[in-house]
Amino acid sequence: MTQPLPRHGPRQLLVRVEATTVDSGDARIRSQRLPRGFGLLGRLAFGWRRPRRPVLGSVLAGTVAAVDAGVAVWRPGDAIV
């Protein structure tokens, strides 16, 4: 079963992500390596059985897939970092 493609909102653009970073904090959250005493709190905050956010990282590189009419700077096909 395939997921539907995401849609951009007003004055937003849709980016096809080609690369992202994963730092040590992302790796610790994914593996649940938390300081002693924070296990339960960490699972409640970040996800009980797996991370709530399946894609971790905050820096990305990709191409613009779609833009709203209110976006004047970017066009589909532009490379972004």
Protein backbone atom coordinates (compact mmCIF):
# COMPACT_ATOMS: atom_id res chain seq x y z
CA MET A 1 0.00 0.00 0.00
CA THR A 2 1.49 3.34 -1.01
CA GLN A 3 1.03 6.52 0.97
CA PRO A 4 -0.55 9.53 -0.71
CA LEU A 5 1.81 12.30 -1.73
CA PRO A 6 1.95 15.21 0.71
CA ARG A 7 0.42 18.51 -0.37
CA HIS A 8 1.85 21.95 0.20
CA GLY A 9 -0.17 24.61 1.94
CA PRO A 10 -0.61 28.29 1.17
CA ARG A 11 2.73 30.10 0.73
CA GLN A 12 4.62 26.81 1.20
CA LEU A 13 6.74 24.59 -0.97
CA LEU A 14 7.09 20.83 -1.15
CA VAL A 15 10.66 19.47 -1.10
CA ARG A 16 11.77 16.04 -2.34
CA VAL A 17 14.44 15.22 0.26
CA GLU A 18 17.52 13.51 -1.18
CA ALA A 19 19.84 13.66 1.86
CA THR A 20 19.60 14.54 5.54
CA THR A 21 21.83 14.44 8.60
CA VAL A 22 21.55 12.30 11.68
CA ASP A 23 23.52 13.52 14.67
CA SER A 24 24.32 11.83 17.97
CA GLY A 25 21.12 13.16 19.59
CA ASP A 26 18.96 11.58 16.88
CA ALA A 27 20.82 8.27 17.27
CA ARG A 28 20.33 8.30 21.04
CA ILE A 29 16.60 8.96 20.75
CA ARG A 30 16.17 6.23 18.14
CA SER A 31 18.04 3.67 20.26
CA GLN A 32 16.49 4.91 23.56
CA ARG A 33 19.95 5.41 25.13
CA LEU A 34 18.86 7.94 27.73
CA PRO A 35 20.40 8.91 31.08
CA ARG A 36 19.47 6.73 34.06
CA GLY A 37 15.98 7.54 35.33
CA PHE A 38 14.76 9.09 32.05
CA GLY A 39 13.65 5.86 30.32
CA LEU A 40 9.92 6.19 30.99
CA LEU A 41 9.88 9.94 30.37
CA GLY A 42 11.85 9.49 27.16
CA ARG A 43 9.47 6.85 25.85
CA LEU A 44 6.47 9.04 26.67
CA ALA A 45 8.05 12.06 24.96
CA PHE A 46 9.64 10.42 21.92
CA GLY A 47 7.43 7.37 21.32
CA TRP A 48 6.62 4.23 23.26
CA ARG A 49 7.71 1.51 20.79
CA ARG A 50 9.41 3.56 18.08
CA PRO A 51 10.09 7.25 17.43
CA ARG A 52 6.99 9.37 16.87
CA ARG A 53 8.78 11.10 14.01
CA PRO A 54 10.03 8.35 11.68
CA VAL A 55 12.43 10.70 9.90
CA LEU A 56 14.91 12.30 12.24
CA GLY A 57 17.34 15.11 11.47
CA SER A 58 16.88 18.79 10.87
CA VAL A 59 19.19 19.61 7.93
CA LEU A 60 18.28 18.51 4.43
CA ALA A 61 19.21 18.75 0.77
CA GLY A 62 16.84 18.11 -2.11
CA THR A 63 14.84 19.57 -4.95
CA VAL A 64 11.67 21.63 -4.94
CA ALA A 65 8.80 19.40 -6.09
CA ALA A 66 5.91 21.90 -5.97
CA VAL A 67 5.26 25.49 -4.90
CA ASP A 68 2.18 27.50 -4.02
CA ALA A 69 1.28 30.53 -6.13
CA GLY A 70 2.29 32.81 -3.24
CA VAL A 71 5.93 31.64 -3.40
CA ALA A 72 7.99 33.91 -5.64
CA VAL A 73 11.58 32.83 -4.93
CA TRP A 74 11.55 29.08 -5.59
CA ARG A 75 10.45 27.08 -8.64
CA PRO A 76 9.96 23.32 -9.12
CA GLY A 77 13.27 21.67 -9.90
CA ASP A 78 15.41 24.14 -7.90
CA ALA A 79 18.08 22.48 -5.74
CA ILE A 80 18.04 23.54 -2.08
CA VAL A 81 20.15 22.91 1.01
